[in-house]
Amino acid sequence: MLQRTYYNEQDLRKRQIDTLKIFNDNVLEIDENTEYRVEFTADGKSMSLTVILSPDFPNEKPSIFVNPAIQHPWISENNAQVVGAPGLINYTQHSDLGRVVQAIIREFQRSLPSLDDKSDASTQSLVSAQSLMFPELSELTVDELQEILENQDLQDKLLENSPQLVELELETEELMSSIERIAQDNIAKQRSLDDLKTEVIDRISTIVQMKMNYEELHRKHQKLAEMYDPHRIRDCLKIAAMQADEDAEGIAEQFLLGNMPVETFIVKFAEKRAMGQARRAREERLAHQLAQLDRATT
C-alpha cells in the first residue's frame, strides 16, 4: 500500500514562502518567516507589496499592503491593505501565496492605479474603480444595472466573463495539473522504492543463508582438522602401541597361568607384538617428520 506524505504546519508555512520567491522577482525578507516585501514597477513607477504572515498562517490568510497607497477596488478605503483580490478572498492553506501575490501585481500593472493624493474618494472614482474589474458595466444604464442586481443568472454570467476570475480559474487548473504530475511522479518513485526494498530484503536473506552455511562448514572443517592433526595422530599411534604391548603381556600371563594352550598363545602373542611394533614404528617415523617440519619453519 502506498504511503501518503503528510506535512506539519511548519512545512506548509515554508512551502508557501517558497512559492512567494518562485513566482515573483525582487522578494526581500524583512523578518524571517513573518514579513516580506515584493518590489515591482507599474507604468514606470516603483511600487511594492508588503506581505505579513501571522503565527496562524497558512491556516489564516496573509495581510498584504501596497506602497505607495492607491485607489483601487481591491484596496481597503481606510488603509493601503489589499482585501478584494480573488486570491485573498478565496484563500485556503492549499493556495499558493506566490501566485496570489503575482496576480495582485499583474492587476495593478494592467489597471495602472492612480496614486492616492490623500483626497476623499468620490463617487466617480468608485465607479471608475468598479469598471476596472467589470468594464462592461460602464456602458449600461441604471435600469440595466438594476436588472443585473435582481437577476442571479445575469450576475453569474457577468462573473463567468470576468478576466480576473477566468485567470484565477486558469491558474487553478494549472496548479491542479502540476499537483497531479507531482502525484504521478511520487507514485512512480514509490514503486521503484518498493522494488529496491524487496531486492535489498532478498539479498539480506541470501547473505544470512550463506553465513549460516559458512559457519556449518567451518565447524566441520575444525572437527576434521582436529581429527587429522599430525600431532594428534602421533599421540594416537603412541597410545595404540602401548595398548598392543599391554594386550601382549596380558596374553602371556594367561598362558603362564595355564589358561591358554600353546598354539593359541603363540598366534595371539605374535599378533599383538607385531601390531605394537608396527604402530610404534609409524609413531616414531611421524615424530621424526614433525620434528623436521618444526625445524624448517623456525
Protein backbone atom coordinates (compact mmCIF):
# COMPACT_ATOMS: atom_id res chain seq x y z
CA MET A 1 0.00 0.00 0.00
CA LEU A 2 1.39 3.42 -0.97
CA GLN A 3 2.14 5.76 1.87
CA ARG A 4 0.87 9.34 1.78
CA THR A 5 3.11 12.25 2.62
CA TYR A 6 1.88 14.48 5.43
CA TYR A 7 3.21 17.96 6.16
CA ASN A 8 3.23 19.69 9.52
CA GLU A 9 2.33 23.36 9.98
CA GLN A 10 5.96 24.47 9.69
CA ASP A 11 6.44 22.58 6.41
CA LEU A 12 3.26 24.14 4.94
CA ARG A 13 4.39 27.62 6.02
CA LYS A 14 7.82 27.14 4.41
CA ARG A 15 6.25 25.80 1.21
CA GLN A 16 4.02 28.90 0.94
CA ILE A 17 7.02 31.20 1.44
CA ASP A 18 8.94 29.25 -1.22
CA THR A 19 6.13 29.85 -3.75
CA LEU A 20 6.36 33.58 -2.98
CA LYS A 21 10.02 33.52 -4.07
CA ILE A 22 9.38 31.21 -7.04
CA PHE A 23 6.58 33.18 -8.73
CA ASN A 24 7.86 36.69 -8.00
CA ASP A 25 11.07 38.62 -8.54
CA ASN A 26 12.66 41.06 -6.10
CA VAL A 27 11.42 39.40 -2.91
CA LEU A 28 13.11 40.84 0.18
CA GLU A 29 12.93 39.19 3.59
CA ILE A 30 12.22 41.85 6.24
CA ASP A 31 11.53 39.48 9.14
CA GLU A 32 12.24 35.77 8.67
CA ASN A 33 9.06 33.71 8.21
CA THR A 34 6.94 36.77 9.07
CA GLU A 35 7.35 39.80 6.77
CA TYR A 36 8.40 40.13 3.12
CA ARG A 37 8.49 42.97 0.59
CA VAL A 38 7.94 42.35 -3.13
CA GLU A 39 9.08 45.22 -5.36
CA PHE A 40 7.66 45.83 -8.85
CA THR A 41 7.01 48.61 -11.36
CA ALA A 42 3.69 49.81 -12.78
CA ASP A 43 3.81 52.24 -15.70
CA GLY A 44 7.39 53.10 -14.81
CA LYS A 45 6.56 53.81 -11.15
CA SER A 46 8.35 51.87 -8.39
CA MET A 47 5.89 50.11 -6.09
CA SER A 48 5.96 47.31 -3.57
CA LEU A 49 3.74 44.90 -1.70
CA THR A 50 4.36 44.17 1.98
CA VAL A 51 3.32 40.61 2.87
CA ILE A 52 2.78 39.91 6.58
CA LEU A 53 2.28 36.35 7.80
CA SER A 54 0.56 35.85 11.14
CA PRO A 55 1.52 32.99 13.53
CA ASP A 56 -1.56 31.08 12.28
CA PHE A 57 -0.51 31.29 8.62
CA PRO A 58 -1.25 29.39 6.32
CA ASN A 59 -4.48 28.50 8.14
CA GLU A 60 -5.09 32.26 8.24
CA LYS A 61 -4.80 34.35 5.07
CA PRO A 62 -1.82 36.75 4.75
CA SER A 63 -2.10 40.52 5.16
CA ILE A 64 -0.89 42.40 2.07
CA PHE A 65 -0.32 46.17 1.85
CA VAL A 66 0.57 48.25 -1.21
CA ASN A 67 3.05 51.11 -1.17
CA PRO A 68 2.51 53.88 -2.17
CA ALA A 69 -1.20 53.95 -1.36
CA ILE A 70 -3.50 53.83 -4.39
CA GLN A 71 -7.21 53.90 -5.20
CA HIS A 72 -8.38 50.55 -6.47
CA PRO A 73 -11.41 48.28 -5.89
CA TRP A 74 -9.13 45.72 -4.27
CA ILE A 75 -7.76 48.25 -1.76
CA SER A 76 -9.39 48.98 1.60
CA GLU A 77 -10.81 52.53 1.89
CA ASN A 78 -9.24 53.08 5.32
CA ASN A 79 -5.70 51.91 4.62
CA ALA A 80 -3.47 50.53 1.87
CA GLN A 81 -4.37 46.90 2.58
CA VAL A 82 -5.30 44.64 -0.31
CA VAL A 83 -8.61 42.98 0.60
CA GLY A 84 -10.56 42.49 -2.65
CA ALA A 85 -8.20 40.26 -4.65
CA PRO A 86 -9.99 36.99 -5.56
CA GLY A 87 -6.95 35.01 -4.47
CA LEU A 88 -7.19 36.54 -0.97
CA ILE A 89 -10.95 36.23 -0.72
CA ASN A 90 -10.81 32.52 -1.56
CA TYR A 91 -7.53 31.88 0.23
CA THR A 92 -7.01 28.50 1.92
CA GLN A 93 -3.93 26.67 3.23
CA HIS A 94 -3.80 24.89 -0.14
CA SER A 95 -3.49 28.15 -2.09
CA ASP A 96 -0.15 29.35 -3.44
CA LEU A 97 0.96 32.57 -1.75
CA GLY A 98 3.30 33.30 -4.65
CA ARG A 99 0.52 33.07 -7.24
CA VAL A 100 -1.81 35.26 -5.17
CA VAL A 101 0.83 37.99 -4.92
CA GLN A 102 1.69 37.57 -8.62
CA ALA A 103 -1.97 38.05 -9.60
CA ILE A 104 -2.20 41.24 -7.48
CA ILE A 105 0.92 42.69 -9.11
CA ARG A 106 -0.38 41.90 -12.61
CA GLU A 107 -3.73 43.56 -11.78
CA PHE A 108 -2.00 46.73 -10.59
CA GLN A 109 0.25 46.76 -13.66
CA ARG A 110 -2.73 46.33 -16.00
CA SER A 111 -5.09 48.78 -14.32
CA LEU A 112 -2.46 51.49 -13.87
CA PRO A 113 -3.74 52.62 -10.42
CA SER A 114 -3.56 56.31 -9.62
CA LEU A 115 -1.50 57.33 -6.57
CA ASP A 116 -3.54 58.47 -3.57
CA ASP A 117 -3.13 62.21 -3.01
CA LYS A 118 -4.97 61.85 0.36
CA SER A 119 -8.16 63.36 -1.12
CA ASP A 120 -11.52 61.82 -0.32
CA ALA A 121 -12.74 59.20 -2.75
CA SER A 122 -15.58 60.49 -4.86
CA THR A 123 -18.45 58.61 -6.38
CA GLN A 124 -16.88 58.96 -9.80
CA SER A 125 -13.61 57.32 -8.66
CA LEU A 126 -15.59 54.47 -7.14
CA VAL A 127 -17.44 53.87 -10.41
CA SER A 128 -14.17 54.01 -12.32
CA ALA A 129 -12.66 51.53 -9.90
CA GLN A 130 -15.53 49.09 -10.40
CA SER A 131 -15.09 49.48 -14.15
CA LEU A 132 -11.56 48.17 -13.82
CA MET A 133 -12.98 44.82 -12.78
CA PHE A 134 -16.11 44.90 -14.96
CA PRO A 135 -15.54 47.43 -17.77
CA GLU A 136 -18.80 46.43 -19.46
CA LEU A 137 -20.78 47.95 -16.56
CA SER A 138 -19.77 51.47 -17.57
CA GLU A 139 -21.79 51.12 -20.78
CA LEU A 140 -25.01 50.02 -19.06
CA THR A 141 -27.90 52.20 -17.99
CA VAL A 142 -29.22 52.41 -14.45
CA ASP A 143 -32.17 50.16 -15.35
CA GLU A 144 -29.83 47.57 -16.83
CA LEU A 145 -27.64 47.68 -13.74
CA GLN A 146 -30.70 47.30 -11.53
CA GLU A 147 -31.78 44.28 -13.58
CA ILE A 148 -28.40 42.66 -13.00
CA LEU A 149 -28.72 43.24 -9.26
CA GLU A 150 -32.10 41.48 -9.25
CA ASN A 151 -31.21 38.62 -11.65
CA GLN A 152 -28.92 35.85 -10.32
CA ASP A 153 -28.38 34.39 -13.81
CA LEU A 154 -27.11 37.74 -15.14
CA GLN A 155 -24.79 38.03 -12.15
CA ASP A 156 -23.40 34.54 -12.79
CA LYS A 157 -22.86 35.35 -16.48
CA LEU A 158 -21.06 38.58 -15.54
CA LEU A 159 -18.79 36.72 -13.15
CA GLU A 160 -18.06 33.99 -15.72
CA ASN A 161 -16.80 36.65 -18.16
CA SER A 162 -14.65 38.44 -15.57
CA PRO A 163 -10.99 38.40 -16.72
CA GLN A 164 -9.85 38.11 -13.11
CA LEU A 165 -11.99 35.06 -12.46
CA VAL A 166 -11.01 33.50 -15.78
CA GLU A 167 -7.34 33.99 -14.92
CA LEU A 168 -7.90 32.59 -11.45
CA GLU A 169 -9.60 29.54 -12.93
CA LEU A 170 -6.76 29.04 -15.40
CA GLU A 171 -4.21 29.33 -12.60
CA THR A 172 -6.20 26.84 -10.53
CA GLU A 173 -6.31 24.35 -13.41
CA GLU A 174 -2.57 24.79 -13.95
CA LEU A 175 -1.93 24.20 -10.25
CA MET A 176 -4.13 21.09 -10.22
CA SER A 177 -2.29 19.72 -13.27
CA SER A 178 1.03 20.39 -11.54
CA ILE A 179 -0.18 18.60 -8.40
CA GLU A 180 -1.37 15.66 -10.49
CA ARG A 181 2.01 15.40 -12.24
CA ILE A 182 3.82 15.52 -8.90
CA ALA A 183 1.49 12.83 -7.51
CA GLN A 184 2.13 10.58 -10.52
CA ASP A 185 5.88 11.09 -10.15
CA ASN A 186 5.64 10.23 -6.46
CA ILE A 187 3.69 7.05 -7.27
CA ALA A 188 6.33 6.01 -9.81
CA LYS A 189 9.12 6.73 -7.33
CA GLN A 190 7.27 4.82 -4.60
CA ARG A 191 7.03 1.78 -6.87
CA SER A 192 10.75 1.96 -7.61
CA LEU A 193 11.44 2.33 -3.90
CA ASP A 194 9.30 -0.72 -3.12
CA ASP A 195 11.16 -2.75 -5.77
CA LEU A 196 14.51 -1.72 -4.34
CA LYS A 197 13.32 -2.54 -0.83
CA THR A 198 12.25 -6.02 -1.94
CA GLU A 199 15.60 -6.56 -3.68
CA VAL A 200 17.52 -5.50 -0.56
CA ILE A 201 15.46 -7.85 1.63
CA ASP A 202 16.13 -10.74 -0.79
CA ARG A 203 19.85 -10.01 -0.76
CA ILE A 204 19.91 -9.86 3.03
CA SER A 205 18.14 -13.24 3.19
CA THR A 206 20.70 -14.70 0.77
CA ILE A 207 23.60 -13.32 2.81
CA VAL A 208 22.14 -14.72 6.05
CA GLN A 209 21.75 -18.17 4.46
CA MET A 210 25.30 -18.04 3.07
CA LYS A 211 26.64 -17.08 6.50
CA MET A 212 24.81 -19.99 8.15
CA ASN A 213 26.24 -22.40 5.53
CA TYR A 214 29.71 -20.97 6.05
CA GLU A 215 29.53 -21.39 9.82
CA GLU A 216 28.37 -25.01 9.45
CA LEU A 217 31.18 -25.80 7.00
CA HIS A 218 33.65 -24.04 9.30
CA ARG A 219 32.60 -26.25 12.22
CA LYS A 220 33.01 -29.38 10.10
CA HIS A 221 36.41 -28.18 8.92
CA GLN A 222 37.54 -27.56 12.50
CA LYS A 223 36.38 -31.01 13.54
CA LEU A 224 38.18 -32.70 10.65
CA ALA A 225 41.27 -30.57 11.20
CA GLU A 226 41.43 -31.68 14.82
CA MET A 227 40.79 -35.30 13.86
CA TYR A 228 43.56 -35.42 11.27
CA ASP A 229 46.07 -33.21 13.01
CA PRO A 230 49.55 -34.88 12.65
CA HIS A 231 50.37 -34.36 16.32
CA ARG A 232 47.09 -35.95 17.36
CA ILE A 233 47.70 -38.89 15.01
CA ARG A 234 51.17 -39.36 16.55
CA ASP A 235 49.70 -39.37 20.04
CA CYS A 236 47.04 -41.88 18.99
CA LEU A 237 49.70 -44.17 17.46
CA LYS A 238 51.75 -43.99 20.66
CA ILE A 239 48.73 -44.87 22.81
CA ALA A 240 47.71 -47.68 20.42
CA ALA A 241 51.26 -49.15 20.51
CA MET A 242 51.24 -49.13 24.33
CA GLN A 243 47.79 -50.77 24.32
CA ALA A 244 49.08 -53.55 21.99
CA ASP A 245 52.03 -54.19 24.34
CA GLU A 246 49.69 -54.38 27.34
CA ASP A 247 47.44 -56.81 25.46
CA ALA A 248 50.52 -58.97 24.64
CA GLU A 249 51.54 -59.01 28.33
CA GLY A 250 48.01 -59.99 29.29
CA ILE A 251 48.12 -62.92 26.84
CA ALA A 252 51.49 -64.04 28.30
CA GLU A 253 50.05 -64.01 31.86
CA GLN A 254 47.09 -66.11 30.79
CA PHE A 255 49.47 -68.61 29.19
CA LEU A 256 51.68 -68.79 32.31
CA LEU A 257 48.63 -69.42 34.46
CA GLY A 258 47.72 -72.33 32.21
CA ASN A 259 44.55 -70.72 30.93
CA MET A 260 45.62 -70.80 27.30
CA PRO A 261 47.02 -73.58 25.09
CA VAL A 262 50.43 -73.16 23.42
CA GLU A 263 49.10 -72.88 19.89
CA THR A 264 46.65 -70.11 20.79
CA PHE A 265 49.26 -68.27 22.88
CA ILE A 266 51.78 -68.25 20.00
CA VAL A 267 49.27 -66.87 17.47
CA LYS A 268 47.76 -64.16 19.69
CA PHE A 269 51.02 -63.08 21.32
CA ALA A 270 52.78 -62.78 17.97
CA GLU A 271 49.84 -60.78 16.54
CA LYS A 272 49.80 -58.26 19.39
CA ARG A 273 53.59 -57.89 19.37
CA ALA A 274 53.62 -57.27 15.62
CA MET A 275 50.79 -54.77 15.93
CA GLY A 276 52.56 -52.87 18.71
CA GLN A 277 55.85 -52.76 16.84
CA ALA A 278 54.16 -51.58 13.64
CA ARG A 279 52.33 -48.78 15.49
CA ARG A 280 55.48 -47.75 17.34
CA ALA A 281 57.43 -47.63 14.07
CA ARG A 282 54.80 -45.42 12.44
CA GLU A 283 54.69 -43.20 15.53
CA GLU A 284 58.46 -42.75 15.51
CA ARG A 285 58.53 -42.03 11.77
CA LEU A 286 55.76 -39.41 12.10
CA ALA A 287 57.50 -37.86 15.14
CA HIS A 288 60.71 -37.58 13.08
CA GLN A 289 58.83 -35.90 10.21
CA LEU A 290 57.13 -33.42 12.56
CA ALA A 291 60.49 -32.54 14.11
CA GLN A 292 61.93 -31.84 10.66
CA LEU A 293 58.92 -29.70 9.80
CA ASP A 294 59.28 -27.69 13.02
CA ARG A 295 62.96 -27.02 12.32
CA ALA A 296 62.15 -25.93 8.75
CA THR A 297 59.54 -23.42 9.89
CA THR A 298 61.57 -21.87 12.73
